[in-house]
Amino acid sequence: KYVNSPETAIFQKSKLLYGFWKSKNPIRDVGSA
């Protein structure tokens, strides 16, 4: 159903959370993810 870019030094899906860059401040504000 999904196909990802190949893993590289800067793209490792086991380390990246989708949307974290947008949600990190609201996560801090609410106190949970």
PDB file of all heavy atoms in Angstrom:
ATOM      1  N   LYS A   1       0.831  -1.200   0.000  1.00  0.00           N
ATOM      2  CA  LYS A   1       0.000   0.000   0.000  1.00  0.00           C
ATOM      3  C   LYS A   1       0.872   1.259   0.000  1.00  0.00           C
ATOM      4  O   LYS A   1       0.545   2.253  -0.621  1.00  0.00           O
ATOM      5  CB  LYS A   1      -0.916   0.002   1.224  1.00  0.00           C
ATOM      6  CG  LYS A   1      -1.951   1.112   1.203  1.00  0.00           C
ATOM      7  CD  LYS A   1      -2.830   1.092   2.440  1.00  0.00           C
ATOM      8  CE  LYS A   1      -3.868   0.023   2.313  1.00  0.00           C
ATOM      9  NZ  LYS A   1      -4.879   0.084   3.368  1.00  0.00           N
ATOM     10  N   TYR A   2       1.994   1.198   0.718  1.00  0.00           N
ATOM     11  CA  TYR A   2       2.927   2.329   0.794  1.00  0.00           C
ATOM     12  C   TYR A   2       4.287   1.925   0.248  1.00  0.00           C
ATOM     13  O   TYR A   2       4.732   0.791   0.431  1.00  0.00           O
ATOM     14  CB  TYR A   2       3.102   2.796   2.244  1.00  0.00           C
ATOM     15  CG  TYR A   2       1.913   3.530   2.800  1.00  0.00           C
ATOM     16  CD1 TYR A   2       0.902   2.852   3.465  1.00  0.00           C
ATOM     17  CD2 TYR A   2       1.797   4.912   2.665  1.00  0.00           C
ATOM     18  CE1 TYR A   2      -0.194   3.525   3.976  1.00  0.00           C
ATOM     19  CE2 TYR A   2       0.712   5.590   3.173  1.00  0.00           C
ATOM     20  CZ  TYR A   2      -0.282   4.898   3.828  1.00  0.00           C
ATOM     21  OH  TYR A   2      -1.356   5.569   4.329  1.00  0.00           O
ATOM     22  N   VAL A   3       4.959   2.869  -0.402  1.00  0.00           N
ATOM     23  CA  VAL A   3       6.348   2.708  -0.835  1.00  0.00           C
ATOM     24  C   VAL A   3       7.097   3.936  -0.334  1.00  0.00           C
ATOM     25  O   VAL A   3       6.615   5.062  -0.466  1.00  0.00           O
ATOM     26  CB  VAL A   3       6.454   2.614  -2.376  1.00  0.00           C
ATOM     27  CG1 VAL A   3       7.902   2.653  -2.814  1.00  0.00           C
ATOM     28  CG2 VAL A   3       5.789   1.356  -2.882  1.00  0.00           C
ATOM     29  N   ASN A   4       8.262   3.712   0.247  1.00  0.00           N
ATOM     30  CA  ASN A   4       9.073   4.803   0.793  1.00  0.00           C
ATOM     31  C   ASN A   4      10.304   5.045  -0.059  1.00  0.00           C
ATOM     32  O   ASN A   4      10.753   4.174  -0.798  1.00  0.00           O
ATOM     33  CB  ASN A   4       9.519   4.463   2.219  1.00  0.00           C
ATOM     34  CG  ASN A   4       8.372   4.357   3.168  1.00  0.00           C
ATOM     35  OD1 ASN A   4       7.584   5.277   3.311  1.00  0.00           O
ATOM     36  ND2 ASN A   4       8.253   3.217   3.820  1.00  0.00           N
ATOM     37  N   SER A   5      10.886   6.232   0.126  1.00  0.00           N
ATOM     38  CA  SER A   5      12.209   6.490  -0.430  1.00  0.00           C
ATOM     39  C   SER A   5      13.167   5.443   0.132  1.00  0.00           C
ATOM     40  O   SER A   5      12.965   4.937   1.234  1.00  0.00           O
ATOM     41  CB  SER A   5      12.709   7.868   0.013  1.00  0.00           C
ATOM     42  OG  SER A   5      11.937   8.892  -0.534  1.00  0.00           O
ATOM     43  N   PRO A   6      14.233   5.150  -0.615  1.00  0.00           N
ATOM     44  CA  PRO A   6      15.239   4.227  -0.065  1.00  0.00           C
ATOM     45  C   PRO A   6      15.882   4.832   1.183  1.00  0.00           C
ATOM     46  O   PRO A   6      15.974   6.048   1.322  1.00  0.00           O
ATOM     47  CB  PRO A   6      16.271   4.117  -1.190  1.00  0.00           C
ATOM     48  CG  PRO A   6      15.625   4.661  -2.408  1.00  0.00           C
ATOM     49  CD  PRO A   6      14.551   5.600  -1.957  1.00  0.00           C
ATOM     50  N   GLU A   7      16.307   3.968   2.081  1.00  0.00           N
ATOM     51  CA  GLU A   7      16.994   4.421   3.292  1.00  0.00           C
ATOM     52  C   GLU A   7      18.331   5.061   2.895  1.00  0.00           C
ATOM     53  O   GLU A   7      19.026   4.565   2.005  1.00  0.00           O
ATOM     54  CB  GLU A   7      17.243   3.245   4.230  1.00  0.00           C
ATOM     55  CG  GLU A   7      15.983   2.607   4.762  1.00  0.00           C
ATOM     56  CD  GLU A   7      15.548   3.125   6.120  1.00  0.00           C
ATOM     57  OE1 GLU A   7      16.413   3.510   6.923  1.00  0.00           O
ATOM     58  OE2 GLU A   7      14.335   3.136   6.362  1.00  0.00           O
ATOM     59  N   THR A   8      18.633   6.187   3.541  1.00  0.00           N
ATOM     60  CA  THR A   8      19.898   6.892   3.321  1.00  0.00           C
ATOM     61  C   THR A   8      20.423   7.359   4.669  1.00  0.00           C
ATOM     62  O   THR A   8      19.790   7.130   5.707  1.00  0.00           O
ATOM     63  CB  THR A   8      19.699   8.131   2.413  1.00  0.00           C
ATOM     64  OG1 THR A   8      18.895   9.097   3.124  1.00  0.00           O
ATOM     65  CG2 THR A   8      19.048   7.770   1.091  1.00  0.00           C
ATOM     66  N   ALA A   9      21.525   8.061   4.653  1.00  0.00           N
ATOM     67  CA  ALA A   9      22.075   8.601   5.901  1.00  0.00           C
ATOM     68  C   ALA A   9      21.115   9.594   6.553  1.00  0.00           C
ATOM     69  O   ALA A   9      21.080   9.724   7.781  1.00  0.00           O
ATOM     70  CB  ALA A   9      23.418   9.269   5.630  1.00  0.00           C
ATOM     71  N   ILE A  10      20.291  10.299   5.742  1.00  0.00           N
ATOM     72  CA  ILE A  10      19.370  11.285   6.320  1.00  0.00           C
ATOM     73  C   ILE A  10      17.927  10.800   6.384  1.00  0.00           C
ATOM     74  O   ILE A  10      17.107  11.414   7.045  1.00  0.00           O
ATOM     75  CB  ILE A  10      19.425  12.638   5.564  1.00  0.00           C
ATOM     76  CG1 ILE A  10      19.014  12.476   4.108  1.00  0.00           C
ATOM     77  CG2 ILE A  10      20.789  13.272   5.709  1.00  0.00           C
ATOM     78  CD1 ILE A  10      18.813  13.784   3.383  1.00  0.00           C
ATOM     79  N   PHE A  11      17.608   9.702   5.710  1.00  0.00           N
ATOM     80  CA  PHE A  11      16.260   9.147   5.775  1.00  0.00           C
ATOM     81  C   PHE A  11      16.306   7.723   6.313  1.00  0.00           C
ATOM     82  O   PHE A  11      16.669   6.783   5.609  1.00  0.00           O
ATOM     83  CB  PHE A  11      15.574   9.158   4.408  1.00  0.00           C
ATOM     84  CG  PHE A  11      14.216   8.488   4.441  1.00  0.00           C
ATOM     85  CD1 PHE A  11      13.177   9.049   5.161  1.00  0.00           C
ATOM     86  CD2 PHE A  11      13.994   7.302   3.766  1.00  0.00           C
ATOM     87  CE1 PHE A  11      11.932   8.420   5.210  1.00  0.00           C
ATOM     88  CE2 PHE A  11      12.752   6.680   3.803  1.00  0.00           C
ATOM     89  CZ  PHE A  11      11.719   7.240   4.536  1.00  0.00           C
ATOM     90  N   GLN A  12      15.964   7.614   7.591  1.00  0.00           N
ATOM     91  CA  GLN A  12      15.875   6.314   8.252  1.00  0.00           C
ATOM     92  C   GLN A  12      14.545   6.287   8.980  1.00  0.00           C
ATOM     93  O   GLN A  12      14.376   6.925  10.025  1.00  0.00           O
ATOM     94  CB  GLN A  12      17.038   6.124   9.212  1.00  0.00           C
ATOM     95  CG  GLN A  12      18.374   6.111   8.515  1.00  0.00           C
ATOM     96  CD  GLN A  12      19.542   6.131   9.470  1.00  0.00           C
ATOM     97  OE1 GLN A  12      19.395   5.915  10.664  1.00  0.00           O
ATOM     98  NE2 GLN A  12      20.716   6.405   8.948  1.00  0.00           N
ATOM     99  N   LYS A  13      13.573   5.558   8.398  1.00  0.00           N
ATOM    100  CA  LYS A  13      12.215   5.632   8.928  1.00  0.00           C
ATOM    101  C   LYS A  13      12.095   5.077  10.342  1.00  0.00           C
ATOM    102  O   LYS A  13      11.175   5.434  11.051  1.00  0.00           O
ATOM    103  CB  LYS A  13      11.208   4.988   7.989  1.00  0.00           C
ATOM    104  CG  LYS A  13      11.342   3.520   7.774  1.00  0.00           C
ATOM    105  CD  LYS A  13      10.309   3.039   6.776  1.00  0.00           C
ATOM    106  CE  LYS A  13      10.413   1.543   6.601  1.00  0.00           C
ATOM    107  NZ  LYS A  13       9.350   1.012   5.816  1.00  0.00           N
ATOM    108  N   SER A  14      13.057   4.284  10.781  1.00  0.00           N
ATOM    109  CA  SER A  14      13.019   3.794  12.153  1.00  0.00           C
ATOM    110  C   SER A  14      13.411   4.877  13.160  1.00  0.00           C
ATOM    111  O   SER A  14      13.260   4.690  14.361  1.00  0.00           O
ATOM    112  CB  SER A  14      13.944   2.589  12.316  1.00  0.00           C
ATOM    113  OG  SER A  14      15.283   2.972  12.104  1.00  0.00           O
ATOM    114  N   LYS A  15      13.883   6.027  12.640  1.00  0.00           N
ATOM    115  CA  LYS A  15      14.264   7.142  13.516  1.00  0.00           C
ATOM    116  C   LYS A  15      13.336   8.343  13.376  1.00  0.00           C
ATOM    117  O   LYS A  15      13.341   9.224  14.232  1.00  0.00           O
ATOM    118  CB  LYS A  15      15.697   7.587  13.216  1.00  0.00           C
ATOM    119  CG  LYS A  15      16.731   6.553  13.566  1.00  0.00           C
ATOM    120  CD  LYS A  15      18.127   7.068  13.302  1.00  0.00           C
ATOM    121  CE  LYS A  15      19.141   6.017  13.692  1.00  0.00           C
ATOM    122  NZ  LYS A  15      20.522   6.471  13.515  1.00  0.00           N
ATOM    123  N   LEU A  16      12.554   8.397  12.287  1.00  0.00           N
ATOM    124  CA  LEU A  16      11.719   9.567  12.009  1.00  0.00           C
ATOM    125  C   LEU A  16      10.253   9.311  12.337  1.00  0.00           C
ATOM    126  O   LEU A  16       9.712   8.281  11.969  1.00  0.00           O
ATOM    127  CB  LEU A  16      11.831   9.959  10.534  1.00  0.00           C
ATOM    128  CG  LEU A  16      13.201  10.422  10.062  1.00  0.00           C
ATOM    129  CD1 LEU A  16      13.228  10.509   8.551  1.00  0.00           C
ATOM    130  CD2 LEU A  16      13.552  11.750  10.691  1.00  0.00           C
ATOM    131  N   LEU A  17       9.644  10.265  12.986  1.00  0.00           N
ATOM    132  CA  LEU A  17       8.210  10.224  13.241  1.00  0.00           C
ATOM    133  C   LEU A  17       7.535  11.209  12.301  1.00  0.00           C
ATOM    134  O   LEU A  17       7.915  12.389  12.248  1.00  0.00           O
ATOM    135  CB  LEU A  17       7.893  10.588  14.690  1.00  0.00           C
ATOM    136  CG  LEU A  17       8.252   9.504  15.704  1.00  0.00           C
ATOM    137  CD1 LEU A  17       8.332  10.088  17.096  1.00  0.00           C
ATOM    138  CD2 LEU A  17       7.248   8.368  15.642  1.00  0.00           C
ATOM    139  N   TYR A  18       6.557  10.734  11.566  1.00  0.00           N
ATOM    140  CA  TYR A  18       5.861  11.588  10.608  1.00  0.00           C
ATOM    141  C   TYR A  18       5.098  12.677  11.362  1.00  0.00           C
ATOM    142  O   TYR A  18       4.328  12.389  12.269  1.00  0.00           O
ATOM    143  CB  TYR A  18       4.902  10.760   9.756  1.00  0.00           C
ATOM    144  CG  TYR A  18       4.312  11.557   8.621  1.00  0.00           C
ATOM    145  CD1 TYR A  18       5.052  11.805   7.474  1.00  0.00           C
ATOM    146  CD2 TYR A  18       3.036  12.081   8.706  1.00  0.00           C
ATOM    147  CE1 TYR A  18       4.529  12.540   6.433  1.00  0.00           C
ATOM    148  CE2 TYR A  18       2.502  12.819   7.668  1.00  0.00           C
ATOM    149  CZ  TYR A  18       3.249  13.048   6.535  1.00  0.00           C
ATOM    150  OH  TYR A  18       2.725  13.791   5.505  1.00  0.00           O
ATOM    151  N   GLY A  19       5.357  13.916  10.998  1.00  0.00           N
ATOM    152  CA  GLY A  19       4.666  15.063  11.590  1.00  0.00           C
ATOM    153  C   GLY A  19       5.277  15.602  12.865  1.00  0.00           C
ATOM    154  O   GLY A  19       4.799  16.597  13.408  1.00  0.00           O
ATOM    155  N   PHE A  20       6.358  14.976  13.351  1.00  0.00           N
ATOM    156  CA  PHE A  20       6.936  15.426  14.624  1.00  0.00           C
ATOM    157  C   PHE A  20       7.389  16.880  14.565  1.00  0.00           C
ATOM    158  O   PHE A  20       7.219  17.631  15.519  1.00  0.00           O
ATOM    159  CB  PHE A  20       8.096  14.515  15.040  1.00  0.00           C
ATOM    160  CG  PHE A  20       8.666  14.847  16.396  1.00  0.00           C
ATOM    161  CD1 PHE A  20       7.891  14.734  17.530  1.00  0.00           C
ATOM    162  CD2 PHE A  20       9.976  15.272  16.529  1.00  0.00           C
ATOM    163  CE1 PHE A  20       8.407  15.035  18.786  1.00  0.00           C
ATOM    164  CE2 PHE A  20      10.505  15.573  17.769  1.00  0.00           C
ATOM    165  CZ  PHE A  20       9.716  15.459  18.898  1.00  0.00           C
ATOM    166  N   TRP A  21       7.928  17.288  13.447  1.00  0.00           N
ATOM    167  CA  TRP A  21       8.401  18.671  13.327  1.00  0.00           C
ATOM    168  C   TRP A  21       7.254  19.660  13.507  1.00  0.00           C
ATOM    169  O   TRP A  21       7.459  20.772  13.996  1.00  0.00           O
ATOM    170  CB  TRP A  21       9.134  18.883  12.005  1.00  0.00           C
ATOM    171  CG  TRP A  21       8.246  18.939  10.804  1.00  0.00           C
ATOM    172  CD1 TRP A  21       7.655  17.902  10.151  1.00  0.00           C
ATOM    173  CD2 TRP A  21       7.831  20.115  10.115  1.00  0.00           C
ATOM    174  NE1 TRP A  21       6.910  18.356   9.097  1.00  0.00           N
ATOM    175  CE2 TRP A  21       7.001  19.720   9.049  1.00  0.00           C
ATOM    176  CE3 TRP A  21       8.080  21.478  10.289  1.00  0.00           C
ATOM    177  CZ2 TRP A  21       6.417  20.615   8.179  1.00  0.00           C
ATOM    178  CZ3 TRP A  21       7.506  22.361   9.403  1.00  0.00           C
ATOM    179  CH2 TRP A  21       6.680  21.941   8.362  1.00  0.00           C
ATOM    180  N   LYS A  22       6.028  19.276  13.114  1.00  0.00           N
ATOM    181  CA  LYS A  22       4.852  20.149  13.273  1.00  0.00           C
ATOM    182  C   LYS A  22       4.230  20.019  14.656  1.00  0.00           C
ATOM    183  O   LYS A  22       3.620  20.961  15.157  1.00  0.00           O
ATOM    184  CB  LYS A  22       3.772  19.773  12.251  1.00  0.00           C
ATOM    185  CG  LYS A  22       3.948  20.363  10.905  1.00  0.00           C
ATOM    186  CD  LYS A  22       3.563  21.798  10.943  1.00  0.00           C
ATOM    187  CE  LYS A  22       3.021  22.266   9.629  1.00  0.00           C
ATOM    188  NZ  LYS A  22       3.031  23.697   9.519  1.00  0.00           N
ATOM    189  N   SER A  23       4.354  18.849  15.253  1.00  0.00           N
ATOM    190  CA  SER A  23       3.611  18.535  16.468  1.00  0.00           C
ATOM    191  C   SER A  23       4.406  18.636  17.756  1.00  0.00           C
ATOM    192  O   SER A  23       3.834  18.538  18.836  1.00  0.00           O
ATOM    193  CB  SER A  23       3.034  17.118  16.353  1.00  0.00           C
ATOM    194  OG  SER A  23       2.167  17.019  15.253  1.00  0.00           O
ATOM    195  N   LYS A  24       5.716  18.830  17.675  1.00  0.00           N
ATOM    196  CA  LYS A  24       6.499  18.780  18.913  1.00  0.00           C
ATOM    197  C   LYS A  24       6.104  19.857  19.927  1.00  0.00           C
ATOM    198  O   LYS A  24       6.042  19.576  21.124  1.00  0.00           O
ATOM    199  CB  LYS A  24       8.000  18.800  18.626  1.00  0.00           C
ATOM    200  CG  LYS A  24       8.522  20.006  17.914  1.00  0.00           C
ATOM    201  CD  LYS A  24       9.995  19.830  17.559  1.00  0.00           C
ATOM    202  CE  LYS A  24      10.431  20.953  16.662  1.00  0.00           C
ATOM    203  NZ  LYS A  24      11.786  20.763  16.165  1.00  0.00           N
ATOM    204  N   ASN A  25       5.796  21.065  19.472  1.00  0.00           N
ATOM    205  CA  ASN A  25       5.369  22.089  20.436  1.00  0.00           C
ATOM    206  C   ASN A  25       3.993  21.797  21.021  1.00  0.00           C
ATOM    207  O   ASN A  25       3.821  21.901  22.243  1.00  0.00           O
ATOM    208  CB  ASN A  25       5.437  23.482  19.807  1.00  0.00           C
ATOM    209  CG  ASN A  25       6.875  23.933  19.600  1.00  0.00           C
ATOM    210  OD1 ASN A  25       7.777  23.535  20.335  1.00  0.00           O
ATOM    211  ND2 ASN A  25       7.103  24.746  18.592  1.00  0.00           N
ATOM    212  N   PRO A  26       2.992  21.412  20.216  1.00  0.00           N
ATOM    213  CA  PRO A  26       1.713  21.004  20.818  1.00  0.00           C
ATOM    214  C   PRO A  26       1.852  19.802  21.762  1.00  0.00           C
ATOM    215  O   PRO A  26       1.145  19.732  22.775  1.00  0.00           O
ATOM    216  CB  PRO A  26       0.834  20.661  19.614  1.00  0.00           C
ATOM    217  CG  PRO A  26       1.374  21.512  18.513  1.00  0.00           C
ATOM    218  CD  PRO A  26       2.865  21.543  18.755  1.00  0.00           C
ATOM    219  N   ILE A  27       2.763  18.883  21.461  1.00  0.00           N
ATOM    220  CA  ILE A  27       2.987  17.749  22.361  1.00  0.00           C
ATOM    221  C   ILE A  27       3.476  18.261  23.710  1.00  0.00           C
ATOM    222  O   ILE A  27       2.993  17.837  24.765  1.00  0.00           O
ATOM    223  CB  ILE A  27       3.997  16.747  21.752  1.00  0.00           C
ATOM    224  CG1 ILE A  27       3.348  15.993  20.589  1.00  0.00           C
ATOM    225  CG2 ILE A  27       4.524  15.780  22.802  1.00  0.00           C
ATOM    226  CD1 ILE A  27       4.323  15.174  19.754  1.00  0.00           C
ATOM    227  N   ARG A  28       4.404  19.208  23.690  1.00  0.00           N
ATOM    228  CA  ARG A  28       4.891  19.799  24.946  1.00  0.00           C
ATOM    229  C   ARG A  28       3.763  20.517  25.678  1.00  0.00           C
ATOM    230  O   ARG A  28       3.624  20.394  26.903  1.00  0.00           O
ATOM    231  CB  ARG A  28       6.026  20.785  24.663  1.00  0.00           C
ATOM    232  CG  ARG A  28       7.323  20.148  24.321  1.00  0.00           C
ATOM    233  CD  ARG A  28       8.438  21.188  24.172  1.00  0.00           C
ATOM    234  NE  ARG A  28       9.635  20.557  23.680  1.00  0.00           N
ATOM    235  CZ  ARG A  28      10.105  20.682  22.449  1.00  0.00           C
ATOM    236  NH1 ARG A  28       9.508  21.451  21.565  1.00  0.00           N
ATOM    237  NH2 ARG A  28      11.189  20.051  22.079  1.00  0.00           N
ATOM    238  N   ASP A  29       2.958  21.271  24.924  1.00  0.00           N
ATOM    239  CA  ASP A  29       1.863  22.030  25.536  1.00  0.00           C
ATOM    240  C   ASP A  29       0.824  21.121  26.191  1.00  0.00           C
ATOM    241  O   ASP A  29       0.375  21.382  27.309  1.00  0.00           O
ATOM    242  CB  ASP A  29       1.164  22.914  24.494  1.00  0.00           C
ATOM    243  CG  ASP A  29       2.071  24.002  23.940  1.00  0.00           C
ATOM    244  OD1 ASP A  29       3.121  24.297  24.567  1.00  0.00           O
ATOM    245  OD2 ASP A  29       1.736  24.555  22.870  1.00  0.00           O
ATOM    246  N   VAL A  30       0.440  20.054  25.494  1.00  0.00           N
ATOM    247  CA  VAL A  30      -0.588  19.129  25.999  1.00  0.00           C
ATOM    248  C   VAL A  30       0.002  18.179  27.040  1.00  0.00           C
ATOM    249  O   VAL A  30      -0.701  17.740  27.943  1.00  0.00           O
ATOM    250  CB  VAL A  30      -1.221  18.338  24.826  1.00  0.00           C
ATOM    251  CG1 VAL A  30      -2.152  17.253  25.309  1.00  0.00           C
ATOM    252  CG2 VAL A  30      -1.951  19.276  23.881  1.00  0.00           C
ATOM    253  N   GLY A  31       1.273  17.858  26.902  1.00  0.00           N
ATOM    254  CA  GLY A  31       1.924  16.959  27.847  1.00  0.00           C
ATOM    255  C   GLY A  31       1.885  15.503  27.433  1.00  0.00           C
ATOM    256  O   GLY A  31       2.277  14.625  28.204  1.00  0.00           O
ATOM    257  N   SER A  32       1.414  15.228  26.219  1.00  0.00           N
ATOM    258  CA  SER A  32       1.406  13.854  25.726  1.00  0.00           C
ATOM    259  C   SER A  32       1.398  13.858  24.201  1.00  0.00           C
ATOM    260  O   SER A  32       1.026  14.846  23.574  1.00  0.00           O
ATOM    261  CB  SER A  32       0.192  13.082  26.238  1.00  0.00           C
ATOM    262  OG  SER A  32      -0.994  13.602  25.679  1.00  0.00           O
ATOM    263  N   ALA A  33       1.800  12.716  23.636  1.00  0.00           N
ATOM    264  CA  ALA A  33       1.778  12.531  22.190  1.00  0.00           C
ATOM    265  C   ALA A  33       0.714  11.494  21.858  1.00  0.00           C
ATOM    266  O   ALA A  33       0.606  10.463  22.523  1.00  0.00           O
ATOM    267  CB  ALA A  33       3.136  12.059  21.684  1.00  0.00           C
TER     268      ALA A  33
END
